[in-house]
Amino acid sequence: MPIVFAPINTSLKVVKVLTDDKTKKHLESLGIAVNNSITVLSSCGGSVVCRVMDGKLALDHDLSTKIFVA
């Protein structure tokens, strides 16, 4: 499921990232890579705030629909 539909405050695993290579490499440098853990802290209007490793990251609607978690 896309991260925009993920339950809040639940540890999830990234299973797929459907973006171009440049964006995918940028996300990997921020900690969003396949098999990494991610926790959704809040979701509003398609935008998502999530905890990745030791930090928080905000994702806009366009990007949050391209990151799939399980």
C-alpha atoms as a PDB file:
ATOM      1  CA  MET A   1       0.000   0.000   0.000  1.00  0.00           C
ATOM      2  CA  PRO A   2       1.217   3.550  -0.573  1.00  0.00           C
ATOM      3  CA  ILE A   3       2.544   5.229   2.556  1.00  0.00           C
ATOM      4  CA  VAL A   4      -0.209   7.852   2.310  1.00  0.00           C
ATOM      5  CA  PHE A   5      -2.730   5.109   3.311  1.00  0.00           C
ATOM      6  CA  ALA A   6      -0.542   3.536   6.019  1.00  0.00           C
ATOM      7  CA  PRO A   7      -1.697   3.399   9.643  1.00  0.00           C
ATOM      8  CA  ILE A   8      -0.272   6.015  12.002  1.00  0.00           C
ATOM      9  CA  ASN A   9       2.300   5.071  14.697  1.00  0.00           C
ATOM     10  CA  THR A  10       2.974   1.635  13.236  1.00  0.00           C
ATOM     11  CA  SER A  11       6.425   0.455  12.220  1.00  0.00           C
ATOM     12  CA  LEU A  12       6.369  -0.472   8.537  1.00  0.00           C
ATOM     13  CA  LYS A  13       8.851  -1.809   5.996  1.00  0.00           C
ATOM     14  CA  VAL A  14       9.484  -0.077   2.674  1.00  0.00           C
ATOM     15  CA  VAL A  15       8.839  -2.609  -0.114  1.00  0.00           C
ATOM     16  CA  LYS A  16       8.988  -0.476  -3.268  1.00  0.00           C
ATOM     17  CA  VAL A  17       9.880   3.055  -4.380  1.00  0.00           C
ATOM     18  CA  LEU A  18       8.469   4.029  -7.792  1.00  0.00           C
ATOM     19  CA  THR A  19      10.427   7.137  -8.771  1.00  0.00           C
ATOM     20  CA  ASP A  20      13.198   8.054 -11.163  1.00  0.00           C
ATOM     21  CA  ASP A  21      16.786   7.092 -10.264  1.00  0.00           C
ATOM     22  CA  LYS A  22      17.802  10.577  -9.120  1.00  0.00           C
ATOM     23  CA  THR A  23      14.911  10.854  -6.646  1.00  0.00           C
ATOM     24  CA  LYS A  24      15.376   7.252  -5.498  1.00  0.00           C
ATOM     25  CA  LYS A  25      19.053   7.899  -4.675  1.00  0.00           C
ATOM     26  CA  HIS A  26      18.084  11.064  -2.772  1.00  0.00           C
ATOM     27  CA  LEU A  27      15.477   9.163  -0.752  1.00  0.00           C
ATOM     28  CA  GLU A  28      18.007   6.416  -0.011  1.00  0.00           C
ATOM     29  CA  SER A  29      20.415   9.022   1.361  1.00  0.00           C
ATOM     30  CA  LEU A  30      17.603  10.169   3.683  1.00  0.00           C
ATOM     31  CA  GLY A  31      16.952   6.588   4.852  1.00  0.00           C
ATOM     32  CA  ILE A  32      13.963   5.654   2.673  1.00  0.00           C
ATOM     33  CA  ALA A  33      15.140   2.524   0.909  1.00  0.00           C
ATOM     34  CA  VAL A  34      13.720  -0.943   0.285  1.00  0.00           C
ATOM     35  CA  ASN A  35      13.674  -3.078   3.482  1.00  0.00           C
ATOM     36  CA  ASN A  36      14.217  -0.064   5.783  1.00  0.00           C
ATOM     37  CA  SER A  37      11.797   0.694   8.618  1.00  0.00           C
ATOM     38  CA  ILE A  38       9.572   3.755   8.540  1.00  0.00           C
ATOM     39  CA  THR A  39       6.843   5.006  10.899  1.00  0.00           C
ATOM     40  CA  VAL A  40       4.061   7.372   9.840  1.00  0.00           C
ATOM     41  CA  LEU A  41       3.609  10.068  12.489  1.00  0.00           C
ATOM     42  CA  SER A  42       0.820  12.030  10.803  1.00  0.00           C
ATOM     43  CA  SER A  43      -1.036  12.235   7.536  1.00  0.00           C
ATOM     44  CA  CYS A  44      -3.128  15.140   6.299  1.00  0.00           C
ATOM     45  CA  GLY A  45      -4.387  15.943   2.818  1.00  0.00           C
ATOM     46  CA  GLY A  46      -2.038  13.442   1.194  1.00  0.00           C
ATOM     47  CA  SER A  47       1.081  14.810   2.871  1.00  0.00           C
ATOM     48  CA  VAL A  48       2.846  12.521   5.313  1.00  0.00           C
ATOM     49  CA  VAL A  49       5.235  13.149   8.200  1.00  0.00           C
ATOM     50  CA  CYS A  50       7.250  10.053   9.028  1.00  0.00           C
ATOM     51  CA  ARG A  51      10.064   8.917  11.284  1.00  0.00           C
ATOM     52  CA  VAL A  52      13.022   7.525   9.374  1.00  0.00           C
ATOM     53  CA  MET A  53      15.971   6.299  11.445  1.00  0.00           C
ATOM     54  CA  ASP A  54      16.544   9.071  14.027  1.00  0.00           C
ATOM     55  CA  GLY A  55      14.836  11.933  12.196  1.00  0.00           C
ATOM     56  CA  LYS A  56      11.514  13.145  10.894  1.00  0.00           C
ATOM     57  CA  LEU A  57      10.751  13.683   7.239  1.00  0.00           C
ATOM     58  CA  ALA A  58       7.807  15.348   5.484  1.00  0.00           C
ATOM     59  CA  LEU A  59       6.665  13.943   2.133  1.00  0.00           C
ATOM     60  CA  ASP A  60       4.305  15.721  -0.233  1.00  0.00           C
ATOM     61  CA  HIS A  61       1.298  14.006  -1.829  1.00  0.00           C
ATOM     62  CA  ASP A  62       3.103  13.239  -5.085  1.00  0.00           C
ATOM     63  CA  LEU A  63       5.998  11.453  -3.402  1.00  0.00           C
ATOM     64  CA  SER A  64       3.956   9.735  -0.702  1.00  0.00           C
ATOM     65  CA  THR A  65       1.891   7.917  -3.334  1.00  0.00           C
ATOM     66  CA  LYS A  66       5.069   6.456  -4.874  1.00  0.00           C
ATOM     67  CA  ILE A  67       6.499   4.882  -1.708  1.00  0.00           C
ATOM     68  CA  PHE A  68       4.970   1.485  -0.936  1.00  0.00           C
ATOM     69  CA  VAL A  69       5.095  -0.133   2.519  1.00  0.00           C
ATOM     70  CA  ALA A  70       3.925  -3.334   4.157  1.00  0.00           C
END
